[in-house]
Amino acid sequence: VSSVLRGLDVGSGPGIPGLLLAWQL
């Protein structure tokens, strides 16, 4: 959970799930 990560959410639309993962990580 505390790892430094670079993420890509493809077809994210309003931010699902990438934005929520950004909050959680």
mmCIF file of all heavy atoms, coordinates in Angstrom:
data_MODEL
# 
_entry.id   MODEL 
# 
loop_
_atom_site.group_PDB 
_atom_site.id 
_atom_site.type_symbol 
_atom_site.label_atom_id 
_atom_site.label_alt_id 
_atom_site.label_comp_id 
_atom_site.label_asym_id 
_atom_site.label_entity_id 
_atom_site.label_seq_id 
_atom_site.pdbx_PDB_ins_code 
_atom_site.Cartn_x 
_atom_site.Cartn_y 
_atom_site.Cartn_z 
_atom_site.occupancy 
_atom_site.B_iso_or_equiv 
_atom_site.pdbx_formal_charge 
_atom_site.auth_seq_id 
_atom_site.auth_comp_id 
_atom_site.auth_asym_id 
_atom_site.auth_atom_id 
_atom_site.pdbx_PDB_model_num 
ATOM 1   N N   . VAL A 1 1  ? 0.824   -1.201 0.000   1.00 0.00 ? 1  VAL A N   1 
ATOM 2   C CA  . VAL A 1 1  ? 0.000   0.000  0.000   1.00 0.00 ? 1  VAL A CA  1 
ATOM 3   C C   . VAL A 1 1  ? 0.863   1.258  0.000   1.00 0.00 ? 1  VAL A C   1 
ATOM 4   O O   . VAL A 1 1  ? 0.503   2.284  -0.584  1.00 0.00 ? 1  VAL A O   1 
ATOM 5   C CB  . VAL A 1 1  ? -0.943  0.011  1.224   1.00 0.00 ? 1  VAL A CB  1 
ATOM 6   C CG1 . VAL A 1 1  ? -1.678  1.339  1.350   1.00 0.00 ? 1  VAL A CG1 1 
ATOM 7   C CG2 . VAL A 1 1  ? -1.946  -1.133 1.129   1.00 0.00 ? 1  VAL A CG2 1 
ATOM 8   N N   . SER A 1 2  ? 2.018   1.184  0.643   1.00 0.00 ? 2  SER A N   1 
ATOM 9   C CA  . SER A 1 2  ? 2.888   2.361  0.744   1.00 0.00 ? 2  SER A CA  1 
ATOM 10  C C   . SER A 1 2  ? 3.936   2.433  -0.361  1.00 0.00 ? 2  SER A C   1 
ATOM 11  O O   . SER A 1 2  ? 4.828   3.281  -0.317  1.00 0.00 ? 2  SER A O   1 
ATOM 12  C CB  . SER A 1 2  ? 3.580   2.376  2.115   1.00 0.00 ? 2  SER A CB  1 
ATOM 13  O OG  . SER A 1 2  ? 4.369   1.202  2.278   1.00 0.00 ? 2  SER A OG  1 
ATOM 14  N N   . SER A 1 3  ? 3.834   1.551  -1.364  1.00 0.00 ? 3  SER A N   1 
ATOM 15  C CA  . SER A 1 3  ? 4.810   1.565  -2.457  1.00 0.00 ? 3  SER A CA  1 
ATOM 16  C C   . SER A 1 3  ? 4.651   2.836  -3.292  1.00 0.00 ? 3  SER A C   1 
ATOM 17  O O   . SER A 1 3  ? 3.559   3.368  -3.468  1.00 0.00 ? 3  SER A O   1 
ATOM 18  C CB  . SER A 1 3  ? 4.605   0.344  -3.360  1.00 0.00 ? 3  SER A CB  1 
ATOM 19  O OG  . SER A 1 3  ? 4.852   -0.859 -2.667  1.00 0.00 ? 3  SER A OG  1 
ATOM 20  N N   . VAL A 1 4  ? 5.788   3.300  -3.816  1.00 0.00 ? 4  VAL A N   1 
ATOM 21  C CA  . VAL A 1 4  ? 5.768   4.406  -4.769  1.00 0.00 ? 4  VAL A CA  1 
ATOM 22  C C   . VAL A 1 4  ? 5.457   3.805  -6.139  1.00 0.00 ? 4  VAL A C   1 
ATOM 23  O O   . VAL A 1 4  ? 6.252   3.048  -6.687  1.00 0.00 ? 4  VAL A O   1 
ATOM 24  C CB  . VAL A 1 4  ? 7.115   5.149  -4.793  1.00 0.00 ? 4  VAL A CB  1 
ATOM 25  C CG1 . VAL A 1 4  ? 7.087   6.262  -5.841  1.00 0.00 ? 4  VAL A CG1 1 
ATOM 26  C CG2 . VAL A 1 4  ? 7.428   5.722  -3.418  1.00 0.00 ? 4  VAL A CG2 1 
ATOM 27  N N   . LEU A 1 5  ? 4.289   4.129  -6.676  1.00 0.00 ? 5  LEU A N   1 
ATOM 28  C CA  . LEU A 1 5  ? 3.820   3.498  -7.905  1.00 0.00 ? 5  LEU A CA  1 
ATOM 29  C C   . LEU A 1 5  ? 3.411   4.545  -8.926  1.00 0.00 ? 5  LEU A C   1 
ATOM 30  O O   . LEU A 1 5  ? 2.917   5.617  -8.586  1.00 0.00 ? 5  LEU A O   1 
ATOM 31  C CB  . LEU A 1 5  ? 2.607   2.605  -7.621  1.00 0.00 ? 5  LEU A CB  1 
ATOM 32  C CG  . LEU A 1 5  ? 2.805   1.430  -6.672  1.00 0.00 ? 5  LEU A CG  1 
ATOM 33  C CD1 . LEU A 1 5  ? 1.468   0.758  -6.394  1.00 0.00 ? 5  LEU A CD1 1 
ATOM 34  C CD2 . LEU A 1 5  ? 3.794   0.424  -7.266  1.00 0.00 ? 5  LEU A CD2 1 
ATOM 35  N N   . ARG A 1 6  ? 3.608   4.176  -10.193 1.00 0.00 ? 6  ARG A N   1 
ATOM 36  C CA  . ARG A 1 6  ? 3.098   4.985  -11.296 1.00 0.00 ? 6  ARG A CA  1 
ATOM 37  C C   . ARG A 1 6  ? 2.004   4.169  -11.981 1.00 0.00 ? 6  ARG A C   1 
ATOM 38  O O   . ARG A 1 6  ? 2.259   3.062  -12.454 1.00 0.00 ? 6  ARG A O   1 
ATOM 39  C CB  . ARG A 1 6  ? 4.221   5.303  -12.272 1.00 0.00 ? 6  ARG A CB  1 
ATOM 40  C CG  . ARG A 1 6  ? 3.829   6.300  -13.355 1.00 0.00 ? 6  ARG A CG  1 
ATOM 41  C CD  . ARG A 1 6  ? 5.006   6.618  -14.249 1.00 0.00 ? 6  ARG A CD  1 
ATOM 42  N NE  . ARG A 1 6  ? 4.656   7.662  -15.208 1.00 0.00 ? 6  ARG A NE  1 
ATOM 43  C CZ  . ARG A 1 6  ? 5.416   8.013  -16.224 1.00 0.00 ? 6  ARG A CZ  1 
ATOM 44  N NH1 . ARG A 1 6  ? 6.568   7.398  -16.442 1.00 0.00 ? 6  ARG A NH1 1 
ATOM 45  N NH2 . ARG A 1 6  ? 5.034   8.973  -17.051 1.00 0.00 ? 6  ARG A NH2 1 
ATOM 46  N N   . GLY A 1 7  ? 0.776   4.710  -12.020 1.00 0.00 ? 7  GLY A N   1 
ATOM 47  C CA  . GLY A 1 7  ? -0.351  3.954  -12.547 1.00 0.00 ? 7  GLY A CA  1 
ATOM 48  C C   . GLY A 1 7  ? -1.019  4.637  -13.719 1.00 0.00 ? 7  GLY A C   1 
ATOM 49  O O   . GLY A 1 7  ? -0.996  5.862  -13.849 1.00 0.00 ? 7  GLY A O   1 
ATOM 50  N N   . LEU A 1 8  ? -1.631  3.821  -14.562 1.00 0.00 ? 8  LEU A N   1 
ATOM 51  C CA  . LEU A 1 8  ? -2.408  4.288  -15.706 1.00 0.00 ? 8  LEU A CA  1 
ATOM 52  C C   . LEU A 1 8  ? -3.758  3.590  -15.678 1.00 0.00 ? 8  LEU A C   1 
ATOM 53  O O   . LEU A 1 8  ? -3.825  2.363  -15.594 1.00 0.00 ? 8  LEU A O   1 
ATOM 54  C CB  . LEU A 1 8  ? -1.681  3.965  -17.017 1.00 0.00 ? 8  LEU A CB  1 
ATOM 55  C CG  . LEU A 1 8  ? -2.467  4.171  -18.319 1.00 0.00 ? 8  LEU A CG  1 
ATOM 56  C CD1 . LEU A 1 8  ? -2.765  5.655  -18.545 1.00 0.00 ? 8  LEU A CD1 1 
ATOM 57  C CD2 . LEU A 1 8  ? -1.704  3.579  -19.512 1.00 0.00 ? 8  LEU A CD2 1 
ATOM 58  N N   . ASP A 1 9  ? -4.822  4.371  -15.780 1.00 0.00 ? 9  ASP A N   1 
ATOM 59  C CA  . ASP A 1 9  ? -6.174  3.824  -15.865 1.00 0.00 ? 9  ASP A CA  1 
ATOM 60  C C   . ASP A 1 9  ? -6.695  4.106  -17.264 1.00 0.00 ? 9  ASP A C   1 
ATOM 61  O O   . ASP A 1 9  ? -6.923  5.264  -17.634 1.00 0.00 ? 9  ASP A O   1 
ATOM 62  C CB  . ASP A 1 9  ? -7.064  4.469  -14.803 1.00 0.00 ? 9  ASP A CB  1 
ATOM 63  C CG  . ASP A 1 9  ? -8.442  3.837  -14.723 1.00 0.00 ? 9  ASP A CG  1 
ATOM 64  O OD1 . ASP A 1 9  ? -8.575  2.667  -15.125 1.00 0.00 ? 9  ASP A OD1 1 
ATOM 65  O OD2 . ASP A 1 9  ? -9.371  4.517  -14.242 1.00 0.00 ? 9  ASP A OD2 1 
ATOM 66  N N   . VAL A 1 10 ? -6.871  3.050  -18.058 1.00 0.00 ? 10 VAL A N   1 
ATOM 67  C CA  . VAL A 1 10 ? -7.270  3.187  -19.459 1.00 0.00 ? 10 VAL A CA  1 
ATOM 68  C C   . VAL A 1 10 ? -8.793  3.145  -19.564 1.00 0.00 ? 10 VAL A C   1 
ATOM 69  O O   . VAL A 1 10 ? -9.438  2.252  -19.025 1.00 0.00 ? 10 VAL A O   1 
ATOM 70  C CB  . VAL A 1 10 ? -6.640  2.065  -20.320 1.00 0.00 ? 10 VAL A CB  1 
ATOM 71  C CG1 . VAL A 1 10 ? -7.031  2.244  -21.793 1.00 0.00 ? 10 VAL A CG1 1 
ATOM 72  C CG2 . VAL A 1 10 ? -5.125  2.064  -20.177 1.00 0.00 ? 10 VAL A CG2 1 
ATOM 73  N N   . GLY A 1 11 ? -9.357  4.113  -20.292 1.00 0.00 ? 11 GLY A N   1 
ATOM 74  C CA  . GLY A 1 11 ? -10.812 4.207  -20.363 1.00 0.00 ? 11 GLY A CA  1 
ATOM 75  C C   . GLY A 1 11 ? -11.402 4.636  -19.042 1.00 0.00 ? 11 GLY A C   1 
ATOM 76  O O   . GLY A 1 11 ? -12.477 4.174  -18.641 1.00 0.00 ? 11 GLY A O   1 
ATOM 77  N N   . SER A 1 12 ? -10.739 5.560  -18.371 1.00 0.00 ? 12 SER A N   1 
ATOM 78  C CA  . SER A 1 12 ? -11.073 5.922  -16.990 1.00 0.00 ? 12 SER A CA  1 
ATOM 79  C C   . SER A 1 12 ? -12.392 6.650  -16.854 1.00 0.00 ? 12 SER A C   1 
ATOM 80  O O   . SER A 1 12 ? -13.049 6.565  -15.811 1.00 0.00 ? 12 SER A O   1 
ATOM 81  C CB  . SER A 1 12 ? -9.951  6.786  -16.405 1.00 0.00 ? 12 SER A CB  1 
ATOM 82  O OG  . SER A 1 12 ? -10.161 7.039  -15.043 1.00 0.00 ? 12 SER A OG  1 
ATOM 83  N N   . GLY A 1 13 ? -12.812 7.378  -17.888 1.00 0.00 ? 13 GLY A N   1 
ATOM 84  C CA  . GLY A 1 13 ? -14.048 8.147  -17.777 1.00 0.00 ? 13 GLY A CA  1 
ATOM 85  C C   . GLY A 1 13 ? -13.965 9.153  -16.646 1.00 0.00 ? 13 GLY A C   1 
ATOM 86  O O   . GLY A 1 13 ? -13.035 9.962  -16.586 1.00 0.00 ? 13 GLY A O   1 
ATOM 87  N N   . PRO A 1 14 ? -14.883 9.112  -15.687 1.00 0.00 ? 14 PRO A N   1 
ATOM 88  C CA  . PRO A 1 14 ? -14.872 10.075 -14.583 1.00 0.00 ? 14 PRO A CA  1 
ATOM 89  C C   . PRO A 1 14 ? -13.865 9.719  -13.483 1.00 0.00 ? 14 PRO A C   1 
ATOM 90  O O   . PRO A 1 14 ? -13.870 10.340 -12.420 1.00 0.00 ? 14 PRO A O   1 
ATOM 91  C CB  . PRO A 1 14 ? -16.301 10.006 -14.054 1.00 0.00 ? 14 PRO A CB  1 
ATOM 92  C CG  . PRO A 1 14 ? -16.730 8.607  -14.335 1.00 0.00 ? 14 PRO A CG  1 
ATOM 93  C CD  . PRO A 1 14 ? -16.078 8.240  -15.647 1.00 0.00 ? 14 PRO A CD  1 
ATOM 94  N N   . GLY A 1 15 ? -13.022 8.708  -13.733 1.00 0.00 ? 15 GLY A N   1 
ATOM 95  C CA  . GLY A 1 15 ? -11.989 8.364  -12.751 1.00 0.00 ? 15 GLY A CA  1 
ATOM 96  C C   . GLY A 1 15 ? -12.166 7.022  -12.093 1.00 0.00 ? 15 GLY A C   1 
ATOM 97  O O   . GLY A 1 15 ? -11.659 6.786  -10.986 1.00 0.00 ? 15 GLY A O   1 
ATOM 98  N N   . ILE A 1 16 ? -12.847 6.107  -12.771 1.00 0.00 ? 16 ILE A N   1 
ATOM 99  C CA  . ILE A 1 16 ? -13.122 4.784  -12.206 1.00 0.00 ? 16 ILE A CA  1 
ATOM 100 C C   . ILE A 1 16 ? -12.290 3.730  -12.936 1.00 0.00 ? 16 ILE A C   1 
ATOM 101 O O   . ILE A 1 16 ? -12.441 3.574  -14.142 1.00 0.00 ? 16 ILE A O   1 
ATOM 102 C CB  . ILE A 1 16 ? -14.617 4.433  -12.331 1.00 0.00 ? 16 ILE A CB  1 
ATOM 103 C CG1 . ILE A 1 16 ? -15.488 5.509  -11.672 1.00 0.00 ? 16 ILE A CG1 1 
ATOM 104 C CG2 . ILE A 1 16 ? -14.913 3.067  -11.718 1.00 0.00 ? 16 ILE A CG2 1 
ATOM 105 C CD1 . ILE A 1 16 ? -16.968 5.354  -11.943 1.00 0.00 ? 16 ILE A CD1 1 
ATOM 106 N N   . PRO A 1 17 ? -11.404 2.997  -12.234 1.00 0.00 ? 17 PRO A N   1 
ATOM 107 C CA  . PRO A 1 17 ? -11.124 3.044  -10.795 1.00 0.00 ? 17 PRO A CA  1 
ATOM 108 C C   . PRO A 1 17 ? -9.905  3.884  -10.422 1.00 0.00 ? 17 PRO A C   1 
ATOM 109 O O   . PRO A 1 17 ? -9.570  3.995  -9.253  1.00 0.00 ? 17 PRO A O   1 
ATOM 110 C CB  . PRO A 1 17 ? -10.844 1.588  -10.467 1.00 0.00 ? 17 PRO A CB  1 
ATOM 111 C CG  . PRO A 1 17 ? -10.089 1.107  -11.678 1.00 0.00 ? 17 PRO A CG  1 
ATOM 112 C CD  . PRO A 1 17 ? -10.749 1.816  -12.858 1.00 0.00 ? 17 PRO A CD  1 
ATOM 113 N N   . GLY A 1 18 ? -9.205  4.468  -11.426 1.00 0.00 ? 18 GLY A N   1 
ATOM 114 C CA  . GLY A 1 18 ? -7.898  5.059  -11.167 1.00 0.00 ? 18 GLY A CA  1 
ATOM 115 C C   . GLY A 1 18 ? -7.882  6.133  -10.097 1.00 0.00 ? 18 GLY A C   1 
ATOM 116 O O   . GLY A 1 18 ? -6.985  6.163  -9.235  1.00 0.00 ? 18 GLY A O   1 
ATOM 117 N N   . LEU A 1 19 ? -8.863  7.034  -10.124 1.00 0.00 ? 19 LEU A N   1 
ATOM 118 C CA  . LEU A 1 19 ? -8.892  8.114  -9.139  1.00 0.00 ? 19 LEU A CA  1 
ATOM 119 C C   . LEU A 1 19 ? -9.070  7.561  -7.732  1.00 0.00 ? 19 LEU A C   1 
ATOM 120 O O   . LEU A 1 19 ? -8.420  8.020  -6.776  1.00 0.00 ? 19 LEU A O   1 
ATOM 121 C CB  . LEU A 1 19 ? -10.025 9.077  -9.480  1.00 0.00 ? 19 LEU A CB  1 
ATOM 122 C CG  . LEU A 1 19 ? -10.229 10.244 -8.509  1.00 0.00 ? 19 LEU A CG  1 
ATOM 123 C CD1 . LEU A 1 19 ? -8.993  11.125 -8.446  1.00 0.00 ? 19 LEU A CD1 1 
ATOM 124 C CD2 . LEU A 1 19 ? -11.446 11.064 -8.909  1.00 0.00 ? 19 LEU A CD2 1 
ATOM 125 N N   . LEU A 1 20 ? -9.922  6.554  -7.586  1.00 0.00 ? 20 LEU A N   1 
ATOM 126 C CA  . LEU A 1 20 ? -10.163 5.969  -6.268  1.00 0.00 ? 20 LEU A CA  1 
ATOM 127 C C   . LEU A 1 20 ? -8.936  5.205  -5.782  1.00 0.00 ? 20 LEU A C   1 
ATOM 128 O O   . LEU A 1 20 ? -8.629  5.197  -4.586  1.00 0.00 ? 20 LEU A O   1 
ATOM 129 C CB  . LEU A 1 20 ? -11.389 5.065  -6.320  1.00 0.00 ? 20 LEU A CB  1 
ATOM 130 C CG  . LEU A 1 20 ? -12.656 5.730  -6.864  1.00 0.00 ? 20 LEU A CG  1 
ATOM 131 C CD1 . LEU A 1 20 ? -13.838 4.770  -6.816  1.00 0.00 ? 20 LEU A CD1 1 
ATOM 132 C CD2 . LEU A 1 20 ? -12.987 6.993  -6.094  1.00 0.00 ? 20 LEU A CD2 1 
ATOM 133 N N   . LEU A 1 21 ? -8.218  4.586  -6.705  1.00 0.00 ? 21 LEU A N   1 
ATOM 134 C CA  . LEU A 1 21 ? -6.972  3.914  -6.319  1.00 0.00 ? 21 LEU A CA  1 
ATOM 135 C C   . LEU A 1 21 ? -5.921  4.927  -5.892  1.00 0.00 ? 21 LEU A C   1 
ATOM 136 O O   . LEU A 1 21 ? -5.122  4.662  -4.978  1.00 0.00 ? 21 LEU A O   1 
ATOM 137 C CB  . LEU A 1 21 ? -6.462  3.064  -7.478  1.00 0.00 ? 21 LEU A CB  1 
ATOM 138 C CG  . LEU A 1 21 ? -7.279  1.806  -7.782  1.00 0.00 ? 21 LEU A CG  1 
ATOM 139 C CD1 . LEU A 1 21 ? -6.815  1.167  -9.085  1.00 0.00 ? 21 LEU A CD1 1 
ATOM 140 C CD2 . LEU A 1 21 ? -7.181  0.803  -6.641  1.00 0.00 ? 21 LEU A CD2 1 
ATOM 141 N N   . ALA A 1 22 ? -5.888  6.073  -6.549  1.00 0.00 ? 22 ALA A N   1 
ATOM 142 C CA  . ALA A 1 22 ? -4.948  7.120  -6.146  1.00 0.00 ? 22 ALA A CA  1 
ATOM 143 C C   . ALA A 1 22 ? -5.195  7.549  -4.706  1.00 0.00 ? 22 ALA A C   1 
ATOM 144 O O   . ALA A 1 22 ? -4.257  7.798  -3.934  1.00 0.00 ? 22 ALA A O   1 
ATOM 145 C CB  . ALA A 1 22 ? -5.065  8.316  -7.088  1.00 0.00 ? 22 ALA A CB  1 
ATOM 146 N N   . TRP A 1 23 ? -6.471  7.620  -4.331  1.00 0.00 ? 23 TRP A N   1 
ATOM 147 C CA  . TRP A 1 23 ? -6.804  7.972  -2.940  1.00 0.00 ? 23 TRP A CA  1 
ATOM 148 C C   . TRP A 1 23 ? -6.343  6.877  -1.987  1.00 0.00 ? 23 TRP A C   1 
ATOM 149 O O   . TRP A 1 23 ? -5.784  7.157  -0.919  1.00 0.00 ? 23 TRP A O   1 
ATOM 150 C CB  . TRP A 1 23 ? -8.304  8.192  -2.803  1.00 0.00 ? 23 TRP A CB  1 
ATOM 151 C CG  . TRP A 1 23 ? -8.743  8.348  -1.380  1.00 0.00 ? 23 TRP A CG  1 
ATOM 152 C CD1 . TRP A 1 23 ? -9.185  7.367  -0.541  1.00 0.00 ? 23 TRP A CD1 1 
ATOM 153 C CD2 . TRP A 1 23 ? -8.731  9.553  -0.611  1.00 0.00 ? 23 TRP A CD2 1 
ATOM 154 N NE1 . TRP A 1 23 ? -9.460  7.890  0.701   1.00 0.00 ? 23 TRP A NE1 1 
ATOM 155 C CE2 . TRP A 1 23 ? -9.188  9.229  0.694   1.00 0.00 ? 23 TRP A CE2 1 
ATOM 156 C CE3 . TRP A 1 23 ? -8.382  10.877 -0.892  1.00 0.00 ? 23 TRP A CE3 1 
ATOM 157 C CZ2 . TRP A 1 23 ? -9.308  10.172 1.690   1.00 0.00 ? 23 TRP A CZ2 1 
ATOM 158 C CZ3 . TRP A 1 23 ? -8.503  11.831 0.118   1.00 0.00 ? 23 TRP A CZ3 1 
ATOM 159 C CH2 . TRP A 1 23 ? -8.959  11.478 1.390   1.00 0.00 ? 23 TRP A CH2 1 
ATOM 160 N N   . GLN A 1 24 ? -6.572  5.624  -2.362  1.00 0.00 ? 24 GLN A N   1 
ATOM 161 C CA  . GLN A 1 24 ? -6.256  4.507  -1.470  1.00 0.00 ? 24 GLN A CA  1 
ATOM 162 C C   . GLN A 1 24 ? -4.757  4.227  -1.378  1.00 0.00 ? 24 GLN A C   1 
ATOM 163 O O   . GLN A 1 24 ? -4.296  3.641  -0.387  1.00 0.00 ? 24 GLN A O   1 
ATOM 164 C CB  . GLN A 1 24 ? -6.972  3.235  -1.965  1.00 0.00 ? 24 GLN A CB  1 
ATOM 165 C CG  . GLN A 1 24 ? -8.489  3.339  -2.019  1.00 0.00 ? 24 GLN A CG  1 
ATOM 166 C CD  . GLN A 1 24 ? -9.135  3.448  -0.657  1.00 0.00 ? 24 GLN A CD  1 
ATOM 167 O OE1 . GLN A 1 24 ? -8.482  3.293  0.369   1.00 0.00 ? 24 GLN A OE1 1 
ATOM 168 N NE2 . GLN A 1 24 ? -10.429 3.719  -0.633  1.00 0.00 ? 24 GLN A NE2 1 
ATOM 169 N N   . LEU A 1 25 ? -4.000  4.623  -2.402  1.00 0.00 ? 25 LEU A N   1 
ATOM 170 C CA  . LEU A 1 25 ? -2.558  4.359  -2.442  1.00 0.00 ? 25 LEU A CA  1 
ATOM 171 C C   . LEU A 1 25 ? -1.837  5.706  -2.391  1.00 0.00 ? 25 LEU A C   1 
ATOM 172 O O   . LEU A 1 25 ? -1.523  6.303  -3.420  1.00 0.00 ? 25 LEU A O   1 
ATOM 173 C CB  . LEU A 1 25 ? -2.197  3.593  -3.713  1.00 0.00 ? 25 LEU A CB  1 
ATOM 174 C CG  . LEU A 1 25 ? -2.887  2.228  -3.871  1.00 0.00 ? 25 LEU A CG  1 
ATOM 175 C CD1 . LEU A 1 25 ? -2.732  1.706  -5.294  1.00 0.00 ? 25 LEU A CD1 1 
ATOM 176 C CD2 . LEU A 1 25 ? -2.318  1.222  -2.867  1.00 0.00 ? 25 LEU A CD2 1 
# 
